[in-house]
Amino acid sequence: MPDINDVKALIADIGKASLHALMPNDFEYYVVALELTDLDDNTIDYLLFPVTPAAIDIIDPELTNIKKSAGGVVAISTPTFVPKPITLSGTFGRKLRLLLSASLGLTSFSAIKLSTSSGLYKKSSAKGVGIRSAQFDAAIKTGYGVTKVLQSICDKSTMLDDKNLPLRLYFYNPTFGESYLVKKNEVKFSQEKGQSNMLWQYNLKLTAIAPLDQIRSESRGNLATLLTMNVLQKEVNNLAQEAVSVIRDAT
């Protein structure tokens, strides 16, 4: 049995992210992402949460049919995947965030016209009903800007592409070793004066309809990529805040 000091030394040496990648069932690393794609899995929008949700609720139901028979009680369970309700809630704060997923150009060239990177925030705009939104930068966002990206992904997840085919929404949660194809049930944005300091709180309800490994052999949701991006995300956010502090002090 390893000594606790040896474990602490290992964490200090290789980092929590690497430790989780090596032993995901023993060491937790908190990272969450959503990806919106077309039916050919071309990435439209990819959001690696720059601030992890304050709460994640995953219900693991079991569809069991229980009947009373003449000889006793019969319980029949299904061996197939049972849809799971998932709830995410939290806020992205007020600080400037660098969305590394956007800055690295993860959006597919063939799907860029449906992306927030090209100013498409509402599914109605894709059909010419609305207009595309001007934006400061696809990668640099305030907490409010990240909230709008999340809202856009949820809104567009129910739309059809140019071929009248449905889009796909993936939820990556390597913290718990699970990633799914999901459907949006409800998304709620709210402000509570005095409680959230006028920050937009999100509450997103999803339903997992299939495990990712059953429908997609490779993805940008793989553990190594997510962990690497999340480490970089935190570092660049720290640098961004230091730069803002320096500018403020200079002025």
C-alpha atoms as a PDB file:
ATOM      1  CA  MET A   1       0.000   0.000   0.000  1.00  0.00           C
ATOM      2  CA  PRO A   2       1.540   3.336  -1.058  1.00  0.00           C
ATOM      3  CA  ASP A   3       2.337   5.900   1.596  1.00  0.00           C
ATOM      4  CA  ILE A   4       0.255   9.096   1.522  1.00  0.00           C
ATOM      5  CA  ASN A   5       3.450  11.122   1.132  1.00  0.00           C
ATOM      6  CA  ASP A   6       4.360   9.077  -1.946  1.00  0.00           C
ATOM      7  CA  VAL A   7       0.944   9.882  -3.439  1.00  0.00           C
ATOM      8  CA  LYS A   8       1.386  13.606  -2.711  1.00  0.00           C
ATOM      9  CA  ALA A   9       4.847  13.515  -4.284  1.00  0.00           C
ATOM     10  CA  LEU A  10       3.431  11.798  -7.375  1.00  0.00           C
ATOM     11  CA  ILE A  11       0.701  14.417  -7.701  1.00  0.00           C
ATOM     12  CA  ALA A  12       3.270  17.213  -7.385  1.00  0.00           C
ATOM     13  CA  ASP A  13       5.510  15.547  -9.959  1.00  0.00           C
ATOM     14  CA  ILE A  14       3.096  14.667 -12.794  1.00  0.00           C
ATOM     15  CA  GLY A  15       0.031  16.739 -11.863  1.00  0.00           C
ATOM     16  CA  LYS A  16      -3.552  15.827 -11.109  1.00  0.00           C
ATOM     17  CA  ALA A  17      -4.527  15.672 -14.772  1.00  0.00           C
ATOM     18  CA  SER A  18      -1.847  13.130 -15.643  1.00  0.00           C
ATOM     19  CA  LEU A  19      -2.605  11.132 -12.513  1.00  0.00           C
ATOM     20  CA  HIS A  20      -6.259  10.942 -13.516  1.00  0.00           C
ATOM     21  CA  ALA A  21      -5.311   9.904 -17.045  1.00  0.00           C
ATOM     22  CA  LEU A  22      -3.197   7.068 -15.656  1.00  0.00           C
ATOM     23  CA  MET A  23      -5.669   5.935 -12.982  1.00  0.00           C
ATOM     24  CA  PRO A  24      -9.127   7.381 -13.785  1.00  0.00           C
ATOM     25  CA  ASN A  25     -10.911   5.127 -11.295  1.00  0.00           C
ATOM     26  CA  ASP A  26      -8.796   6.297  -8.374  1.00  0.00           C
ATOM     27  CA  PHE A  27      -8.078   9.998  -8.921  1.00  0.00           C
ATOM     28  CA  GLU A  28     -10.666  12.592  -9.913  1.00  0.00           C
ATOM     29  CA  TYR A  29     -10.045  15.482 -12.291  1.00  0.00           C
ATOM     30  CA  TYR A  30     -12.929  17.856 -12.873  1.00  0.00           C
ATOM     31  CA  VAL A  31     -13.538  18.721 -16.524  1.00  0.00           C
ATOM     32  CA  VAL A  32     -16.727  18.979 -18.600  1.00  0.00           C
ATOM     33  CA  ALA A  33     -17.339  19.704 -22.298  1.00  0.00           C
ATOM     34  CA  LEU A  34     -20.143  19.877 -24.855  1.00  0.00           C
ATOM     35  CA  GLU A  35     -19.744  19.336 -28.583  1.00  0.00           C
ATOM     36  CA  LEU A  36     -22.277  20.083 -31.304  1.00  0.00           C
ATOM     37  CA  THR A  37     -21.760  18.281 -34.624  1.00  0.00           C
ATOM     38  CA  ASP A  38     -23.607  17.463 -37.799  1.00  0.00           C
ATOM     39  CA  LEU A  39     -24.626  13.881 -38.599  1.00  0.00           C
ATOM     40  CA  ASP A  40     -21.177  13.241 -40.119  1.00  0.00           C
ATOM     41  CA  ASP A  41     -19.552  14.321 -36.837  1.00  0.00           C
ATOM     42  CA  ASN A  42     -18.112  17.535 -38.269  1.00  0.00           C
ATOM     43  CA  THR A  43     -17.696  19.832 -35.267  1.00  0.00           C
ATOM     44  CA  ILE A  44     -19.924  22.935 -35.293  1.00  0.00           C
ATOM     45  CA  ASP A  45     -19.289  24.232 -31.774  1.00  0.00           C
ATOM     46  CA  TYR A  46     -17.140  22.881 -28.945  1.00  0.00           C
ATOM     47  CA  LEU A  47     -17.345  24.262 -25.415  1.00  0.00           C
ATOM     48  CA  LEU A  48     -14.808  23.160 -22.843  1.00  0.00           C
ATOM     49  CA  PHE A  49     -16.290  24.730 -19.704  1.00  0.00           C
ATOM     50  CA  PRO A  50     -13.730  27.352 -18.528  1.00  0.00           C
ATOM     51  CA  VAL A  51     -15.428  27.214 -15.120  1.00  0.00           C
ATOM     52  CA  THR A  52     -16.655  23.766 -14.169  1.00  0.00           C
ATOM     53  CA  PRO A  53     -20.308  23.440 -13.118  1.00  0.00           C
ATOM     54  CA  ALA A  54     -21.156  24.021  -9.479  1.00  0.00           C
ATOM     55  CA  ALA A  55     -23.279  20.868  -9.592  1.00  0.00           C
ATOM     56  CA  ILE A  56     -23.585  17.825 -11.856  1.00  0.00           C
ATOM     57  CA  ASP A  57     -26.423  15.370 -11.257  1.00  0.00           C
ATOM     58  CA  ILE A  58     -26.526  12.074 -13.164  1.00  0.00           C
ATOM     59  CA  ILE A  59     -29.354   9.652 -12.440  1.00  0.00           C
ATOM     60  CA  ASP A  60     -28.661   6.014 -13.263  1.00  0.00           C
ATOM     61  CA  PRO A  61     -32.135   4.461 -13.623  1.00  0.00           C
ATOM     62  CA  GLU A  62     -32.919   0.813 -14.163  1.00  0.00           C
ATOM     63  CA  LEU A  63     -35.925  -0.264 -16.214  1.00  0.00           C
ATOM     64  CA  THR A  64     -37.159  -3.256 -14.233  1.00  0.00           C
ATOM     65  CA  ASN A  65     -40.583  -4.795 -14.758  1.00  0.00           C
ATOM     66  CA  ILE A  66     -41.812  -6.437 -11.539  1.00  0.00           C
ATOM     67  CA  LYS A  67     -44.881  -8.647 -11.604  1.00  0.00           C
ATOM     68  CA  LYS A  68     -46.619 -10.886  -9.114  1.00  0.00           C
ATOM     69  CA  SER A  69     -47.093 -14.407 -10.394  1.00  0.00           C
ATOM     70  CA  ALA A  70     -48.717 -17.491  -8.962  1.00  0.00           C
ATOM     71  CA  GLY A  71     -45.343 -18.860  -7.918  1.00  0.00           C
ATOM     72  CA  GLY A  72     -43.907 -15.649  -6.490  1.00  0.00           C
ATOM     73  CA  VAL A  73     -42.490 -12.413  -7.897  1.00  0.00           C
ATOM     74  CA  VAL A  74     -40.884 -12.045 -11.327  1.00  0.00           C
ATOM     75  CA  ALA A  75     -38.420  -9.181 -12.006  1.00  0.00           C
ATOM     76  CA  ILE A  76     -37.280  -8.550 -15.601  1.00  0.00           C
ATOM     77  CA  SER A  77     -34.458  -6.093 -16.316  1.00  0.00           C
ATOM     78  CA  THR A  78     -33.212  -4.904 -19.704  1.00  0.00           C
ATOM     79  CA  PRO A  79     -29.588  -5.544 -20.727  1.00  0.00           C
ATOM     80  CA  THR A  80     -29.576  -2.541 -23.062  1.00  0.00           C
ATOM     81  CA  PHE A  81     -28.665   1.066 -22.266  1.00  0.00           C
ATOM     82  CA  VAL A  82     -31.259   2.990 -20.264  1.00  0.00           C
ATOM     83  CA  PRO A  83     -31.495   6.771 -20.915  1.00  0.00           C
ATOM     84  CA  LYS A  84     -29.971   8.823 -18.088  1.00  0.00           C
ATOM     85  CA  PRO A  85     -31.175  12.263 -16.924  1.00  0.00           C
ATOM     86  CA  ILE A  86     -28.252  14.698 -16.516  1.00  0.00           C
ATOM     87  CA  THR A  87     -28.409  18.142 -14.913  1.00  0.00           C
ATOM     88  CA  LEU A  88     -25.653  20.781 -14.994  1.00  0.00           C
ATOM     89  CA  SER A  89     -25.830  24.048 -13.069  1.00  0.00           C
ATOM     90  CA  GLY A  90     -23.460  26.881 -12.306  1.00  0.00           C
ATOM     91  CA  THR A  91     -22.112  30.203 -13.564  1.00  0.00           C
ATOM     92  CA  PHE A  92     -19.137  31.308 -15.654  1.00  0.00           C
ATOM     93  CA  GLY A  93     -18.334  34.320 -13.459  1.00  0.00           C
ATOM     94  CA  ARG A  94     -17.306  37.804 -14.555  1.00  0.00           C
ATOM     95  CA  LYS A  95     -13.685  37.349 -15.601  1.00  0.00           C
ATOM     96  CA  LEU A  96     -12.401  37.251 -19.147  1.00  0.00           C
ATOM     97  CA  ARG A  97     -12.144  33.686 -20.424  1.00  0.00           C
ATOM     98  CA  LEU A  98     -10.114  32.358 -23.328  1.00  0.00           C
ATOM     99  CA  LEU A  99     -12.092  29.588 -24.997  1.00  0.00           C
ATOM    100  CA  LEU A 100      -9.225  27.385 -26.026  1.00  0.00           C
ATOM    101  CA  SER A 101     -11.497  25.209 -28.140  1.00  0.00           C
ATOM    102  CA  ALA A 102     -12.229  28.210 -30.368  1.00  0.00           C
ATOM    103  CA  SER A 103      -8.662  29.497 -30.455  1.00  0.00           C
ATOM    104  CA  LEU A 104      -7.370  26.077 -31.556  1.00  0.00           C
ATOM    105  CA  GLY A 105      -9.796  25.989 -34.461  1.00  0.00           C
ATOM    106  CA  LEU A 106     -11.622  22.792 -33.567  1.00  0.00           C
ATOM    107  CA  THR A 107     -14.632  23.788 -35.653  1.00  0.00           C
ATOM    108  CA  SER A 108     -14.799  21.836 -38.898  1.00  0.00           C
ATOM    109  CA  PHE A 109     -14.434  23.889 -42.093  1.00  0.00           C
ATOM    110  CA  SER A 110     -17.518  22.202 -43.573  1.00  0.00           C
ATOM    111  CA  ALA A 111     -19.602  23.167 -40.509  1.00  0.00           C
ATOM    112  CA  ILE A 112     -18.228  26.672 -39.823  1.00  0.00           C
ATOM    113  CA  LYS A 113     -21.325  28.411 -41.219  1.00  0.00           C
ATOM    114  CA  LEU A 114     -23.418  26.936 -38.375  1.00  0.00           C
ATOM    115  CA  SER A 115     -20.898  27.886 -35.683  1.00  0.00           C
ATOM    116  CA  THR A 116     -20.826  30.730 -33.173  1.00  0.00           C
ATOM    117  CA  SER A 117     -17.379  31.456 -34.632  1.00  0.00           C
ATOM    118  CA  SER A 118     -19.184  32.783 -37.708  1.00  0.00           C
ATOM    119  CA  GLY A 119     -21.782  34.642 -35.643  1.00  0.00           C
ATOM    120  CA  LEU A 120     -24.611  32.088 -35.791  1.00  0.00           C
ATOM    121  CA  TYR A 121     -26.133  32.071 -32.306  1.00  0.00           C
ATOM    122  CA  LYS A 122     -29.753  31.163 -33.077  1.00  0.00           C
ATOM    123  CA  LYS A 123     -31.126  28.322 -35.161  1.00  0.00           C
ATOM    124  CA  SER A 124     -33.640  30.727 -36.729  1.00  0.00           C
ATOM    125  CA  SER A 125     -30.739  32.668 -38.271  1.00  0.00           C
ATOM    126  CA  ALA A 126     -29.612  29.565 -40.158  1.00  0.00           C
ATOM    127  CA  LYS A 127     -32.817  29.714 -42.198  1.00  0.00           C
ATOM    128  CA  GLY A 128     -32.556  33.420 -42.886  1.00  0.00           C
ATOM    129  CA  VAL A 129     -35.182  34.400 -40.289  1.00  0.00           C
ATOM    130  CA  GLY A 130     -32.729  36.173 -38.007  1.00  0.00           C
ATOM    131  CA  ILE A 131     -29.331  37.784 -38.418  1.00  0.00           C
ATOM    132  CA  ARG A 132     -25.826  36.733 -37.537  1.00  0.00           C
ATOM    133  CA  SER A 133     -24.361  38.413 -34.491  1.00  0.00           C
ATOM    134  CA  ALA A 134     -21.230  40.556 -34.554  1.00  0.00           C
ATOM    135  CA  GLN A 135     -18.774  39.598 -31.851  1.00  0.00           C
ATOM    136  CA  PHE A 136     -15.557  40.838 -30.306  1.00  0.00           C
ATOM    137  CA  ASP A 137     -13.655  37.557 -30.687  1.00  0.00           C
ATOM    138  CA  ALA A 138     -14.664  33.897 -30.969  1.00  0.00           C
ATOM    139  CA  ALA A 139     -12.058  32.842 -28.412  1.00  0.00           C
ATOM    140  CA  ILE A 140     -12.034  35.715 -25.883  1.00  0.00           C
ATOM    141  CA  LYS A 141     -15.227  35.886 -23.854  1.00  0.00           C
ATOM    142  CA  THR A 142     -16.552  37.373 -20.667  1.00  0.00           C
ATOM    143  CA  GLY A 143     -18.519  35.073 -18.371  1.00  0.00           C
ATOM    144  CA  TYR A 144     -21.647  36.438 -20.048  1.00  0.00           C
ATOM    145  CA  GLY A 145     -20.157  35.651 -23.467  1.00  0.00           C
ATOM    146  CA  VAL A 146     -19.517  32.018 -22.470  1.00  0.00           C
ATOM    147  CA  THR A 147     -23.109  31.806 -21.238  1.00  0.00           C
ATOM    148  CA  LYS A 148     -24.321  32.961 -24.661  1.00  0.00           C
ATOM    149  CA  VAL A 149     -22.196  30.281 -26.357  1.00  0.00           C
ATOM    150  CA  LEU A 150     -23.787  27.652 -24.107  1.00  0.00           C
ATOM    151  CA  GLN A 151     -27.235  29.041 -24.912  1.00  0.00           C
ATOM    152  CA  SER A 152     -26.435  28.910 -28.632  1.00  0.00           C
ATOM    153  CA  ILE A 153     -25.253  25.286 -28.524  1.00  0.00           C
ATOM    154  CA  CYS A 154     -28.428  24.265 -26.707  1.00  0.00           C
ATOM    155  CA  ASP A 155     -30.643  26.196 -29.124  1.00  0.00           C
ATOM    156  CA  LYS A 156     -28.986  24.814 -32.252  1.00  0.00           C
ATOM    157  CA  SER A 157     -28.908  21.229 -30.955  1.00  0.00           C
ATOM    158  CA  THR A 158     -32.551  20.821 -32.017  1.00  0.00           C
ATOM    159  CA  MET A 159     -32.167  22.211 -35.533  1.00  0.00           C
ATOM    160  CA  LEU A 160     -31.713  20.454 -38.885  1.00  0.00           C
ATOM    161  CA  ASP A 161     -28.795  21.036 -41.233  1.00  0.00           C
ATOM    162  CA  ASP A 162     -28.991  21.927 -44.935  1.00  0.00           C
ATOM    163  CA  LYS A 163     -29.812  18.292 -45.730  1.00  0.00           C
ATOM    164  CA  ASN A 164     -32.663  18.286 -43.200  1.00  0.00           C
ATOM    165  CA  LEU A 165     -30.707  15.937 -40.955  1.00  0.00           C
ATOM    166  CA  PRO A 166     -30.587  16.379 -37.159  1.00  0.00           C
ATOM    167  CA  LEU A 167     -27.504  17.691 -35.395  1.00  0.00           C
ATOM    168  CA  ARG A 168     -25.779  15.774 -32.614  1.00  0.00           C
ATOM    169  CA  LEU A 169     -24.936  16.968 -29.109  1.00  0.00           C
ATOM    170  CA  TYR A 170     -22.216  15.174 -27.108  1.00  0.00           C
ATOM    171  CA  PHE A 171     -21.587  15.510 -23.377  1.00  0.00           C
ATOM    172  CA  TYR A 172     -18.084  14.682 -22.116  1.00  0.00           C
ATOM    173  CA  ASN A 173     -17.601  13.944 -18.418  1.00  0.00           C
ATOM    174  CA  PRO A 174     -14.286  12.083 -17.992  1.00  0.00           C
ATOM    175  CA  THR A 175     -14.383  12.981 -14.293  1.00  0.00           C
ATOM    176  CA  PHE A 176     -16.811  10.106 -13.905  1.00  0.00           C
ATOM    177  CA  GLY A 177     -15.475   8.161 -16.879  1.00  0.00           C
ATOM    178  CA  GLU A 178     -18.627   8.760 -18.934  1.00  0.00           C
ATOM    179  CA  SER A 179     -19.420  10.472 -22.237  1.00  0.00           C
ATOM    180  CA  TYR A 180     -22.736  10.364 -24.068  1.00  0.00           C
ATOM    181  CA  LEU A 181     -24.799  11.363 -27.058  1.00  0.00           C
ATOM    182  CA  VAL A 182     -27.451  13.540 -25.410  1.00  0.00           C
ATOM    183  CA  LYS A 183     -30.665  15.410 -26.117  1.00  0.00           C
ATOM    184  CA  LYS A 184     -31.536  18.738 -24.542  1.00  0.00           C
ATOM    185  CA  ASN A 185     -34.650  18.699 -22.388  1.00  0.00           C
ATOM    186  CA  GLU A 186     -34.513  22.178 -20.898  1.00  0.00           C
ATOM    187  CA  VAL A 187     -32.113  25.045 -20.348  1.00  0.00           C
ATOM    188  CA  LYS A 188     -32.805  27.831 -17.882  1.00  0.00           C
ATOM    189  CA  PHE A 189     -30.871  31.050 -17.322  1.00  0.00           C
ATOM    190  CA  SER A 190     -31.640  33.099 -14.226  1.00  0.00           C
ATOM    191  CA  GLN A 191     -30.396  35.883 -11.995  1.00  0.00           C
ATOM    192  CA  GLU A 192     -31.018  36.069  -8.264  1.00  0.00           C
ATOM    193  CA  LYS A 193     -30.337  39.493  -6.847  1.00  0.00           C
ATOM    194  CA  GLY A 194     -28.251  39.296  -3.719  1.00  0.00           C
ATOM    195  CA  GLN A 195     -27.535  35.603  -4.233  1.00  0.00           C
ATOM    196  CA  SER A 196     -25.502  35.465  -7.434  1.00  0.00           C
ATOM    197  CA  ASN A 197     -24.303  39.091  -7.527  1.00  0.00           C
ATOM    198  CA  MET A 198     -26.227  39.563 -10.780  1.00  0.00           C
ATOM    199  CA  LEU A 199     -24.424  36.710 -12.523  1.00  0.00           C
ATOM    200  CA  TRP A 200     -26.294  34.543 -15.001  1.00  0.00           C
ATOM    201  CA  GLN A 201     -26.894  31.113 -13.535  1.00  0.00           C
ATOM    202  CA  TYR A 202     -27.487  28.257 -15.987  1.00  0.00           C
ATOM    203  CA  ASN A 203     -29.434  25.081 -15.331  1.00  0.00           C
ATOM    204  CA  LEU A 204     -29.175  22.582 -18.159  1.00  0.00           C
ATOM    205  CA  LYS A 205     -31.185  19.364 -18.285  1.00  0.00           C
ATOM    206  CA  LEU A 206     -30.050  16.675 -20.726  1.00  0.00           C
ATOM    207  CA  THR A 207     -30.922  13.048 -21.388  1.00  0.00           C
ATOM    208  CA  ALA A 208     -28.156  10.622 -22.333  1.00  0.00           C
ATOM    209  CA  ILE A 209     -29.460   8.352 -25.086  1.00  0.00           C
ATOM    210  CA  ALA A 210     -26.306   6.390 -25.952  1.00  0.00           C
ATOM    211  CA  PRO A 211     -22.771   5.906 -24.591  1.00  0.00           C
ATOM    212  CA  LEU A 212     -20.180   7.598 -26.782  1.00  0.00           C
ATOM    213  CA  ASP A 213     -18.043   4.477 -27.232  1.00  0.00           C
ATOM    214  CA  GLN A 214     -20.983   2.698 -28.899  1.00  0.00           C
ATOM    215  CA  ILE A 215     -21.483   5.282 -31.637  1.00  0.00           C
ATOM    216  CA  ARG A 216     -18.140   7.037 -32.101  1.00  0.00           C
ATOM    217  CA  SER A 217     -14.753   5.331 -32.129  1.00  0.00           C
ATOM    218  CA  GLU A 218     -12.684   8.520 -31.909  1.00  0.00           C
ATOM    219  CA  SER A 219     -13.569  12.005 -30.786  1.00  0.00           C
ATOM    220  CA  ARG A 220     -12.243  15.250 -29.420  1.00  0.00           C
ATOM    221  CA  GLY A 221     -13.791  14.162 -26.161  1.00  0.00           C
ATOM    222  CA  ASN A 222     -11.068  11.617 -25.529  1.00  0.00           C
ATOM    223  CA  LEU A 223      -9.512  11.876 -22.085  1.00  0.00           C
ATOM    224  CA  ALA A 224      -6.010  12.932 -23.103  1.00  0.00           C
ATOM    225  CA  THR A 225      -7.282  15.787 -25.275  1.00  0.00           C
ATOM    226  CA  LEU A 226      -9.731  17.056 -22.678  1.00  0.00           C
ATOM    227  CA  LEU A 227      -7.205  16.981 -19.865  1.00  0.00           C
ATOM    228  CA  THR A 228      -4.541  18.707 -21.944  1.00  0.00           C
ATOM    229  CA  MET A 229      -6.969  21.401 -23.076  1.00  0.00           C
ATOM    230  CA  ASN A 230      -8.277  21.916 -19.560  1.00  0.00           C
ATOM    231  CA  VAL A 231      -4.780  22.423 -18.124  1.00  0.00           C
ATOM    232  CA  LEU A 232      -3.966  24.913 -20.880  1.00  0.00           C
ATOM    233  CA  GLN A 233      -7.349  26.588 -20.376  1.00  0.00           C
ATOM    234  CA  LYS A 234      -6.601  27.270 -16.716  1.00  0.00           C
ATOM    235  CA  GLU A 235      -3.091  28.527 -17.455  1.00  0.00           C
ATOM    236  CA  VAL A 236      -4.138  30.966 -20.172  1.00  0.00           C
ATOM    237  CA  ASN A 237      -6.984  32.252 -17.993  1.00  0.00           C
ATOM    238  CA  ASN A 238      -4.492  32.915 -15.201  1.00  0.00           C
ATOM    239  CA  LEU A 239      -2.205  34.714 -17.622  1.00  0.00           C
ATOM    240  CA  ALA A 240      -5.120  36.737 -18.964  1.00  0.00           C
ATOM    241  CA  GLN A 241      -6.056  37.917 -15.471  1.00  0.00           C
ATOM    242  CA  GLU A 242      -2.433  38.792 -14.686  1.00  0.00           C
ATOM    243  CA  ALA A 243      -2.267  40.831 -17.893  1.00  0.00           C
ATOM    244  CA  VAL A 244      -5.471  42.677 -16.978  1.00  0.00           C
ATOM    245  CA  SER A 245      -4.042  43.448 -13.527  1.00  0.00           C
ATOM    246  CA  VAL A 246      -0.826  44.803 -15.047  1.00  0.00           C
ATOM    247  CA  ILE A 247      -2.767  47.032 -17.433  1.00  0.00           C
ATOM    248  CA  ARG A 248      -4.931  48.364 -14.615  1.00  0.00           C
ATOM    249  CA  ASP A 249      -1.899  49.106 -12.457  1.00  0.00           C
ATOM    250  CA  ALA A 250      -0.201  50.903 -15.356  1.00  0.00           C
ATOM    251  CA  THR A 251      -3.200  53.137 -15.950  1.00  0.00           C
END
